[in-house]
Amino acid sequence: MLINIAIDSLFAGIASVGFAVLFNVPKGTLPFCALTSFLGYATRLVLLHVTVSTVVATFFASAVIGVIAVIWSRKFSVPRSAYTVAAIIPMFPGKYAFLTIIGLAQMTSGGVTPGLTTSVIQNALTTISIVGAISLGVVVPSLYYIRHNQPVI
């Protein structure tokens, strides 16, 4: 189990480096982006393994990413978004968003059935919940650690 979590988290770190390069993050921050993503994704997988819901696990993993980003942004004087944006992308609920869009397309072409409507609504609400959890998880640590009379980086 731990090996699978480590491998999945390693690939999440690699993916985050790819997105960091795409977003023109400074080269010196790339290893930190990978490590941030690795730790956040590993947190999410561990929580999912102990049967925490996907939304709650994603919130706590995003909070871990947010705390790490606050610490490193102050230490290296780099904006928090340089660490958080790339690290969060592997946790985006692509499966649920895809299933929502596919269900809507099926409703358009094949007709509306109660089962299909239920599926679309469940997938859409799951997508919205996970995106909300990601947003709150990243923002809450930033709000907690902001000090007055100190520039926000």
N, C-alpha and C. Protein backbone atom coordinates (compact mmCIF):
# COMPACT_ATOMS: atom_id res chain seq x y z
N MET A 1 0.82 -1.19 0.00
CA MET A 1 0.00 0.00 0.00
C MET A 1 0.87 1.26 0.00
N LEU A 2 1.86 1.33 0.87
CA LEU A 2 2.71 2.51 0.94
C LEU A 2 3.52 2.71 -0.34
N ILE A 3 3.89 1.61 -0.98
CA ILE A 3 4.63 1.72 -2.24
C ILE A 3 3.73 2.31 -3.32
N ASN A 4 2.48 1.86 -3.36
CA ASN A 4 1.54 2.41 -4.35
C ASN A 4 1.29 3.89 -4.11
N ILE A 5 1.16 4.29 -2.84
CA ILE A 5 0.96 5.70 -2.51
C ILE A 5 2.19 6.51 -2.93
N ALA A 6 3.37 5.97 -2.65
CA ALA A 6 4.60 6.68 -3.02
C ALA A 6 4.73 6.81 -4.54
N ILE A 7 4.40 5.77 -5.27
CA ILE A 7 4.50 5.82 -6.73
C ILE A 7 3.49 6.81 -7.31
N ASP A 8 2.24 6.74 -6.84
CA ASP A 8 1.23 7.67 -7.33
C ASP A 8 1.60 9.11 -6.99
N SER A 9 2.12 9.33 -5.79
CA SER A 9 2.52 10.67 -5.38
C SER A 9 3.72 11.16 -6.17
N LEU A 10 4.62 10.25 -6.52
CA LEU A 10 5.77 10.62 -7.34
C LEU A 10 5.31 11.10 -8.71
N PHE A 11 4.36 10.39 -9.29
CA PHE A 11 3.83 10.82 -10.60
C PHE A 11 3.07 12.14 -10.49
N ALA A 12 2.40 12.36 -9.37
CA ALA A 12 1.74 13.66 -9.16
C ALA A 12 2.78 14.77 -9.09
N GLY A 13 3.91 14.49 -8.44
CA GLY A 13 4.99 15.48 -8.38
C GLY A 13 5.57 15.77 -9.75
N ILE A 14 5.73 14.74 -10.56
CA ILE A 14 6.24 14.93 -11.92
C ILE A 14 5.25 15.75 -12.74
N ALA A 15 3.97 15.44 -12.61
CA ALA A 15 2.95 16.21 -13.33
C ALA A 15 2.95 17.67 -12.89
N SER A 16 3.14 17.91 -11.62
CA SER A 16 3.13 19.29 -11.14
C SER A 16 4.33 20.06 -11.67
N VAL A 17 5.46 19.39 -11.83
CA VAL A 17 6.62 20.06 -12.43
C VAL A 17 6.32 20.44 -13.87
N GLY A 18 5.66 19.56 -14.59
CA GLY A 18 5.27 19.87 -15.96
C GLY A 18 4.37 21.09 -16.03
N PHE A 19 3.40 21.17 -15.13
CA PHE A 19 2.52 22.34 -15.13
C PHE A 19 3.26 23.59 -14.64
N ALA A 20 4.19 23.42 -13.72
CA ALA A 20 4.97 24.57 -13.25
C ALA A 20 5.81 25.15 -14.39
N VAL A 21 6.39 24.28 -15.20
CA VAL A 21 7.15 24.74 -16.36
C VAL A 21 6.21 25.45 -17.33
N LEU A 22 5.04 24.92 -17.52
CA LEU A 22 4.05 25.52 -18.40
C LEU A 22 3.66 26.93 -17.93
N PHE A 23 3.62 27.13 -16.60
CA PHE A 23 3.24 28.41 -16.03
C PHE A 23 4.45 29.33 -15.79
N ASN A 24 5.61 28.97 -16.30
CA ASN A 24 6.83 29.78 -16.19
C ASN A 24 7.24 30.07 -14.74
N VAL A 25 7.18 29.06 -13.91
CA VAL A 25 7.64 29.18 -12.54
C VAL A 25 9.16 29.22 -12.56
N PRO A 26 9.79 30.01 -11.70
CA PRO A 26 11.26 30.05 -11.68
C PRO A 26 11.87 28.65 -11.51
N LYS A 27 12.96 28.42 -12.21
CA LYS A 27 13.57 27.08 -12.22
C LYS A 27 13.95 26.60 -10.82
N GLY A 28 14.36 27.48 -9.97
CA GLY A 28 14.76 27.08 -8.62
C GLY A 28 13.62 26.55 -7.77
N THR A 29 12.40 26.87 -8.14
CA THR A 29 11.25 26.41 -7.35
C THR A 29 10.68 25.08 -7.83
N LEU A 30 11.16 24.57 -8.96
CA LEU A 30 10.60 23.32 -9.50
C LEU A 30 10.70 22.13 -8.54
N PRO A 31 11.85 21.92 -7.89
CA PRO A 31 11.88 20.79 -6.94
C PRO A 31 10.91 20.97 -5.78
N PHE A 32 10.71 22.22 -5.37
CA PHE A 32 9.78 22.48 -4.28
C PHE A 32 8.34 22.28 -4.72
N CYS A 33 8.05 22.60 -5.97
CA CYS A 33 6.71 22.32 -6.52
C CYS A 33 6.45 20.82 -6.52
N ALA A 34 7.45 20.06 -6.94
CA ALA A 34 7.30 18.61 -6.97
C ALA A 34 7.10 18.05 -5.56
N LEU A 35 7.90 18.53 -4.62
CA LEU A 35 7.78 18.04 -3.24
C LEU A 35 6.45 18.44 -2.62
N THR A 36 6.00 19.65 -2.90
CA THR A 36 4.70 20.10 -2.40
C THR A 36 3.59 19.21 -2.93
N SER A 37 3.62 18.95 -4.22
CA SER A 37 2.60 18.08 -4.82
C SER A 37 2.69 16.67 -4.27
N PHE A 38 3.90 16.16 -4.13
CA PHE A 38 4.10 14.81 -3.59
C PHE A 38 3.47 14.69 -2.20
N LEU A 39 3.77 15.65 -1.32
CA LEU A 39 3.26 15.58 0.04
C LEU A 39 1.75 15.76 0.10
N GLY A 40 1.22 16.67 -0.70
CA GLY A 40 -0.23 16.87 -0.72
C GLY A 40 -0.97 15.67 -1.26
N TYR A 41 -0.47 15.13 -2.36
CA TYR A 41 -1.14 13.98 -2.97
C TYR A 41 -1.02 12.75 -2.08
N ALA A 42 0.12 12.58 -1.43
CA ALA A 42 0.29 11.45 -0.50
C ALA A 42 -0.68 11.58 0.67
N THR A 43 -0.86 12.80 1.16
CA THR A 43 -1.83 13.04 2.24
C THR A 43 -3.23 12.63 1.80
N ARG A 44 -3.58 13.03 0.59
CA ARG A 44 -4.91 12.70 0.07
C ARG A 44 -5.09 11.18 -0.05
N LEU A 45 -4.08 10.50 -0.58
CA LEU A 45 -4.19 9.05 -0.77
C LEU A 45 -4.26 8.31 0.56
N VAL A 46 -3.48 8.75 1.54
CA VAL A 46 -3.52 8.11 2.86
C VAL A 46 -4.90 8.30 3.48
N LEU A 47 -5.44 9.51 3.39
CA LEU A 47 -6.77 9.74 3.96
C LEU A 47 -7.84 8.95 3.22
N LEU A 48 -7.72 8.84 1.91
CA LEU A 48 -8.68 8.01 1.17
C LEU A 48 -8.56 6.54 1.56
N HIS A 49 -7.33 6.12 1.86
CA HIS A 49 -7.13 4.71 2.24
C HIS A 49 -7.76 4.39 3.60
N VAL A 50 -7.83 5.38 4.48
CA VAL A 50 -8.45 5.16 5.78
C VAL A 50 -9.93 5.54 5.75
N THR A 51 -10.51 5.53 4.57
CA THR A 51 -11.94 5.72 4.28
C THR A 51 -12.49 7.09 4.67
N VAL A 52 -11.68 8.12 4.49
CA VAL A 52 -12.18 9.49 4.60
C VAL A 52 -12.78 9.83 3.24
N SER A 53 -13.84 10.62 3.20
CA SER A 53 -14.47 10.95 1.93
C SER A 53 -13.51 11.72 1.03
N THR A 54 -13.77 11.67 -0.25
CA THR A 54 -12.90 12.31 -1.23
C THR A 54 -12.82 13.81 -1.01
N VAL A 55 -13.94 14.43 -0.70
CA VAL A 55 -13.96 15.88 -0.50
C VAL A 55 -13.15 16.27 0.72
N VAL A 56 -13.32 15.58 1.81
CA VAL A 56 -12.59 15.89 3.04
C VAL A 56 -11.10 15.61 2.86
N ALA A 57 -10.77 14.50 2.23
CA ALA A 57 -9.36 14.18 1.99
C ALA A 57 -8.71 15.23 1.10
N THR A 58 -9.44 15.69 0.10
CA THR A 58 -8.91 16.72 -0.78
C THR A 58 -8.72 18.04 -0.05
N PHE A 59 -9.65 18.35 0.84
CA PHE A 59 -9.51 19.58 1.63
C PHE A 59 -8.24 19.54 2.47
N PHE A 60 -8.02 18.46 3.20
CA PHE A 60 -6.84 18.38 4.06
C PHE A 60 -5.55 18.34 3.24
N ALA A 61 -5.57 17.66 2.11
CA ALA A 61 -4.39 17.63 1.26
C ALA A 61 -4.10 19.03 0.70
N SER A 62 -5.13 19.75 0.34
CA SER A 62 -4.95 21.12 -0.15
C SER A 62 -4.45 22.03 0.97
N ALA A 63 -4.92 21.79 2.18
CA ALA A 63 -4.43 22.57 3.33
C ALA A 63 -2.96 22.30 3.58
N VAL A 64 -2.53 21.06 3.42
CA VAL A 64 -1.11 20.74 3.55
C VAL A 64 -0.31 21.51 2.49
N ILE A 65 -0.80 21.51 1.27
CA ILE A 65 -0.14 22.25 0.20
C ILE A 65 -0.12 23.74 0.53
N GLY A 66 -1.22 24.26 1.05
CA GLY A 66 -1.28 25.67 1.41
C GLY A 66 -0.30 26.05 2.50
N VAL A 67 -0.17 25.22 3.52
CA VAL A 67 0.77 25.50 4.61
C VAL A 67 2.21 25.46 4.09
N ILE A 68 2.52 24.45 3.31
CA ILE A 68 3.88 24.35 2.75
C ILE A 68 4.17 25.56 1.87
N ALA A 69 3.20 25.97 1.07
CA ALA A 69 3.40 27.11 0.17
C ALA A 69 3.62 28.40 0.96
N VAL A 70 2.91 28.58 2.06
CA VAL A 70 3.11 29.77 2.89
C VAL A 70 4.52 29.78 3.46
N ILE A 71 4.95 28.66 3.97
CA ILE A 71 6.29 28.58 4.57
C ILE A 71 7.37 28.85 3.52
N TRP A 72 7.27 28.18 2.37
CA TRP A 72 8.31 28.35 1.35
C TRP A 72 8.24 29.71 0.67
N SER A 73 7.06 30.28 0.55
CA SER A 73 6.97 31.59 -0.09
C SER A 73 7.65 32.65 0.78
N ARG A 74 7.56 32.50 2.06
CA ARG A 74 8.25 33.44 2.95
C ARG A 74 9.75 33.18 2.99
N LYS A 75 10.11 31.92 2.97
CA LYS A 75 11.53 31.59 3.04
C LYS A 75 12.28 32.01 1.78
N PHE A 76 11.67 31.81 0.62
CA PHE A 76 12.35 32.06 -0.65
C PHE A 76 11.86 33.32 -1.37
N SER A 77 10.94 34.07 -0.77
CA SER A 77 10.38 35.29 -1.37
C SER A 77 9.84 35.05 -2.77
N VAL A 78 9.07 34.00 -2.90
CA VAL A 78 8.41 33.64 -4.15
C VAL A 78 6.92 33.62 -3.88
N PRO A 79 6.09 34.08 -4.81
CA PRO A 79 4.63 34.06 -4.56
C PRO A 79 4.11 32.66 -4.25
N ARG A 80 3.13 32.60 -3.37
CA ARG A 80 2.55 31.31 -2.99
C ARG A 80 1.98 30.56 -4.18
N SER A 81 1.46 31.30 -5.12
CA SER A 81 0.85 30.64 -6.28
C SER A 81 1.86 29.84 -7.09
N ALA A 82 3.14 30.19 -6.99
CA ALA A 82 4.15 29.41 -7.70
C ALA A 82 4.20 27.98 -7.20
N TYR A 83 3.90 27.79 -5.94
CA TYR A 83 3.90 26.44 -5.36
C TYR A 83 2.53 25.79 -5.42
N THR A 84 1.48 26.56 -5.18
CA THR A 84 0.16 25.95 -5.02
C THR A 84 -0.50 25.55 -6.33
N VAL A 85 -0.44 26.39 -7.34
CA VAL A 85 -1.18 26.12 -8.56
C VAL A 85 -0.73 24.82 -9.21
N ALA A 86 0.56 24.67 -9.37
CA ALA A 86 1.06 23.45 -10.00
C ALA A 86 0.83 22.22 -9.12
N ALA A 87 0.91 22.39 -7.81
CA ALA A 87 0.76 21.24 -6.91
C ALA A 87 -0.69 20.78 -6.80
N ILE A 88 -1.63 21.67 -7.02
CA ILE A 88 -3.04 21.34 -6.88
C ILE A 88 -3.59 20.63 -8.11
N ILE A 89 -3.03 20.90 -9.26
CA ILE A 89 -3.60 20.38 -10.52
C ILE A 89 -3.76 18.85 -10.53
N PRO A 90 -2.82 18.06 -9.99
CA PRO A 90 -3.06 16.61 -10.00
C PRO A 90 -4.27 16.17 -9.17
N MET A 91 -4.75 17.03 -8.28
CA MET A 91 -5.91 16.65 -7.47
C MET A 91 -7.23 17.12 -8.07
N PHE A 92 -7.19 17.76 -9.22
CA PHE A 92 -8.43 18.24 -9.83
C PHE A 92 -9.33 17.06 -10.18
N PRO A 93 -10.64 17.18 -9.95
CA PRO A 93 -11.55 16.05 -10.16
C PRO A 93 -11.92 15.84 -11.63
N GLY A 94 -10.96 15.48 -12.44
CA GLY A 94 -11.19 15.33 -13.87
C GLY A 94 -12.19 14.23 -14.20
N LYS A 95 -12.14 13.14 -13.46
CA LYS A 95 -13.06 12.02 -13.72
C LYS A 95 -14.51 12.46 -13.56
N TYR A 96 -14.80 13.14 -12.47
CA TYR A 96 -16.18 13.55 -12.21
C TYR A 96 -16.64 14.63 -13.19
N ALA A 97 -15.75 15.55 -13.52
CA ALA A 97 -16.10 16.58 -14.50
C ALA A 97 -16.36 15.94 -15.87
N PHE A 98 -15.53 14.99 -16.25
CA PHE A 98 -15.70 14.29 -17.52
C PHE A 98 -17.03 13.54 -17.55
N LEU A 99 -17.34 12.81 -16.48
CA LEU A 99 -18.59 12.06 -16.43
C LEU A 99 -19.81 12.99 -16.45
N THR A 100 -19.68 14.17 -15.86
CA THR A 100 -20.77 15.14 -15.92
C THR A 100 -21.01 15.60 -17.34
N ILE A 101 -19.96 15.94 -18.05
CA ILE A 101 -20.09 16.42 -19.43
C ILE A 101 -20.60 15.31 -20.34
N ILE A 102 -20.10 14.10 -20.16
CA ILE A 102 -20.58 12.97 -20.97
C ILE A 102 -22.06 12.72 -20.71
N GLY A 103 -22.48 12.78 -19.45
CA GLY A 103 -23.89 12.60 -19.11
C GLY A 103 -24.77 13.68 -19.73
N LEU A 104 -24.28 14.91 -19.71
CA LEU A 104 -25.04 16.00 -20.34
C LEU A 104 -25.15 15.79 -21.85
N ALA A 105 -24.07 15.31 -22.46
CA ALA A 105 -24.12 15.02 -23.89
C ALA A 105 -25.09 13.89 -24.20
N GLN A 106 -25.12 12.88 -23.35
CA GLN A 106 -26.07 11.78 -23.55
C GLN A 106 -27.51 12.26 -23.37
N MET A 107 -27.71 13.18 -22.44
CA MET A 107 -29.06 13.72 -22.24
C MET A 107 -29.50 14.52 -23.47
N THR A 108 -28.57 15.17 -24.09
CA THR A 108 -28.90 15.98 -25.27
C THR A 108 -29.24 15.11 -26.46
N SER A 109 -28.48 14.03 -26.64
CA SER A 109 -28.67 13.21 -27.84
C SER A 109 -29.64 12.06 -27.64
N GLY A 110 -29.67 11.45 -26.47
CA GLY A 110 -30.46 10.24 -26.30
C GLY A 110 -31.70 10.38 -25.47
N GLY A 111 -31.90 11.53 -24.89
CA GLY A 111 -33.08 11.72 -24.05
C GLY A 111 -32.72 11.70 -22.58
N VAL A 112 -33.63 12.19 -21.79
CA VAL A 112 -33.42 12.32 -20.36
C VAL A 112 -34.09 11.16 -19.65
N THR A 113 -33.32 10.44 -18.84
CA THR A 113 -33.87 9.37 -18.01
C THR A 113 -33.58 9.71 -16.55
N PRO A 114 -34.37 9.18 -15.64
CA PRO A 114 -34.11 9.48 -14.22
C PRO A 114 -32.73 9.03 -13.75
N GLY A 115 -32.28 7.87 -14.22
CA GLY A 115 -30.96 7.39 -13.82
C GLY A 115 -29.84 8.28 -14.33
N LEU A 116 -29.96 8.71 -15.56
CA LEU A 116 -28.94 9.58 -16.15
C LEU A 116 -28.94 10.95 -15.47
N THR A 117 -30.12 11.46 -15.16
CA THR A 117 -30.21 12.74 -14.46
C THR A 117 -29.57 12.66 -13.09
N THR A 118 -29.84 11.58 -12.37
CA THR A 118 -29.24 11.38 -11.06
C THR A 118 -27.72 11.30 -11.15
N SER A 119 -27.23 10.57 -12.13
CA SER A 119 -25.79 10.44 -12.33
C SER A 119 -25.13 11.78 -12.63
N VAL A 120 -25.75 12.56 -13.51
CA VAL A 120 -25.19 13.87 -13.86
C VAL A 120 -25.17 14.79 -12.63
N ILE A 121 -26.25 14.79 -11.87
CA ILE A 121 -26.30 15.66 -10.69
C ILE A 121 -25.27 15.22 -9.66
N GLN A 122 -25.13 13.93 -9.42
CA GLN A 122 -24.14 13.44 -8.45
C GLN A 122 -22.73 13.79 -8.87
N ASN A 123 -22.41 13.58 -10.14
CA ASN A 123 -21.06 13.88 -10.62
C ASN A 123 -20.79 15.39 -10.60
N ALA A 124 -21.78 16.18 -10.95
CA ALA A 124 -21.60 17.64 -10.93
C ALA A 124 -21.40 18.14 -9.51
N LEU A 125 -22.19 17.63 -8.57
CA LEU A 125 -22.03 18.06 -7.18
C LEU A 125 -20.70 17.60 -6.59
N THR A 126 -20.26 16.42 -6.97
CA THR A 126 -18.95 15.95 -6.51
C THR A 126 -17.84 16.83 -7.07
N THR A 127 -17.94 17.18 -8.34
CA THR A 127 -16.94 18.06 -8.95
C THR A 127 -16.90 19.40 -8.24
N ILE A 128 -18.06 19.99 -8.03
CA ILE A 128 -18.12 21.30 -7.37
C ILE A 128 -17.61 21.21 -5.93
N SER A 129 -17.93 20.15 -5.24
CA SER A 129 -17.48 19.98 -3.86
C SER A 129 -15.97 19.84 -3.77
N ILE A 130 -15.40 19.07 -4.67
CA ILE A 130 -13.94 18.87 -4.65
C ILE A 130 -13.22 20.17 -5.02
N VAL A 131 -13.73 20.88 -6.01
CA VAL A 131 -13.10 22.16 -6.37
C VAL A 131 -13.22 23.16 -5.22
N GLY A 132 -14.36 23.17 -4.54
CA GLY A 132 -14.51 24.02 -3.37
C GLY A 132 -13.56 23.64 -2.25
N ALA A 133 -13.39 22.34 -2.03
CA ALA A 133 -12.46 21.87 -1.00
C ALA A 133 -11.03 22.26 -1.34
N ILE A 134 -10.67 22.17 -2.62
CA ILE A 134 -9.34 22.59 -3.05
C ILE A 134 -9.15 24.08 -2.78
N SER A 135 -10.13 24.86 -3.14
CA SER A 135 -10.04 26.32 -2.96
C SER A 135 -9.90 26.69 -1.49
N LEU A 136 -10.77 26.13 -0.66
CA LEU A 136 -10.70 26.43 0.77
C LEU A 136 -9.41 25.90 1.39
N GLY A 137 -9.00 24.73 0.99
CA GLY A 137 -7.79 24.14 1.55
C GLY A 137 -6.55 24.95 1.27
N VAL A 138 -6.48 25.56 0.11
CA VAL A 138 -5.32 26.38 -0.23
C VAL A 138 -5.39 27.76 0.41
N VAL A 139 -6.59 28.31 0.51
CA VAL A 139 -6.74 29.69 0.99
C VAL A 139 -6.68 29.79 2.51
N VAL A 140 -7.27 28.86 3.23
CA VAL A 140 -7.35 28.97 4.69
C VAL A 140 -5.98 29.09 5.35
N PRO A 141 -4.99 28.26 5.00
CA PRO A 141 -3.67 28.47 5.62
C PRO A 141 -3.07 29.83 5.28
N SER A 142 -3.31 30.31 4.08
CA SER A 142 -2.79 31.63 3.70
C SER A 142 -3.42 32.72 4.56
N LEU A 143 -4.71 32.62 4.81
CA LEU A 143 -5.38 33.62 5.64
C LEU A 143 -4.91 33.54 7.09
N TYR A 144 -4.65 32.36 7.55
CA TYR A 144 -4.22 32.16 8.93
C TYR A 144 -2.84 32.74 9.18
N TYR A 145 -1.94 32.59 8.23
CA TYR A 145 -0.55 33.00 8.42
C TYR A 145 -0.24 34.42 7.98
N ILE A 146 -1.21 35.14 7.45
CA ILE A 146 -0.95 36.52 7.04
C ILE A 146 -0.83 37.39 8.28
N ARG A 147 0.24 38.13 8.34
CA ARG A 147 0.46 39.05 9.45
C ARG A 147 0.19 40.46 8.95
N HIS A 148 -0.32 41.29 9.83
CA HIS A 148 -0.57 42.68 9.46
C HIS A 148 0.75 43.42 9.29
N ASN A 149 0.75 44.42 8.43
CA ASN A 149 1.93 45.25 8.15
C ASN A 149 3.05 44.44 7.51
N GLN A 150 2.74 43.33 6.93
CA GLN A 150 3.74 42.54 6.22
C GLN A 150 3.24 42.33 4.80
N PRO A 151 4.11 42.53 3.81
CA PRO A 151 3.64 42.36 2.43
C PRO A 151 3.20 40.93 2.17
N VAL A 152 2.12 40.80 1.43
CA VAL A 152 1.62 39.48 1.05
C VAL A 152 2.31 39.08 -0.23
N ILE A 153 3.01 37.96 -0.17
CA ILE A 153 3.75 37.49 -1.35
C ILE A 153 3.00 36.37 -1.97
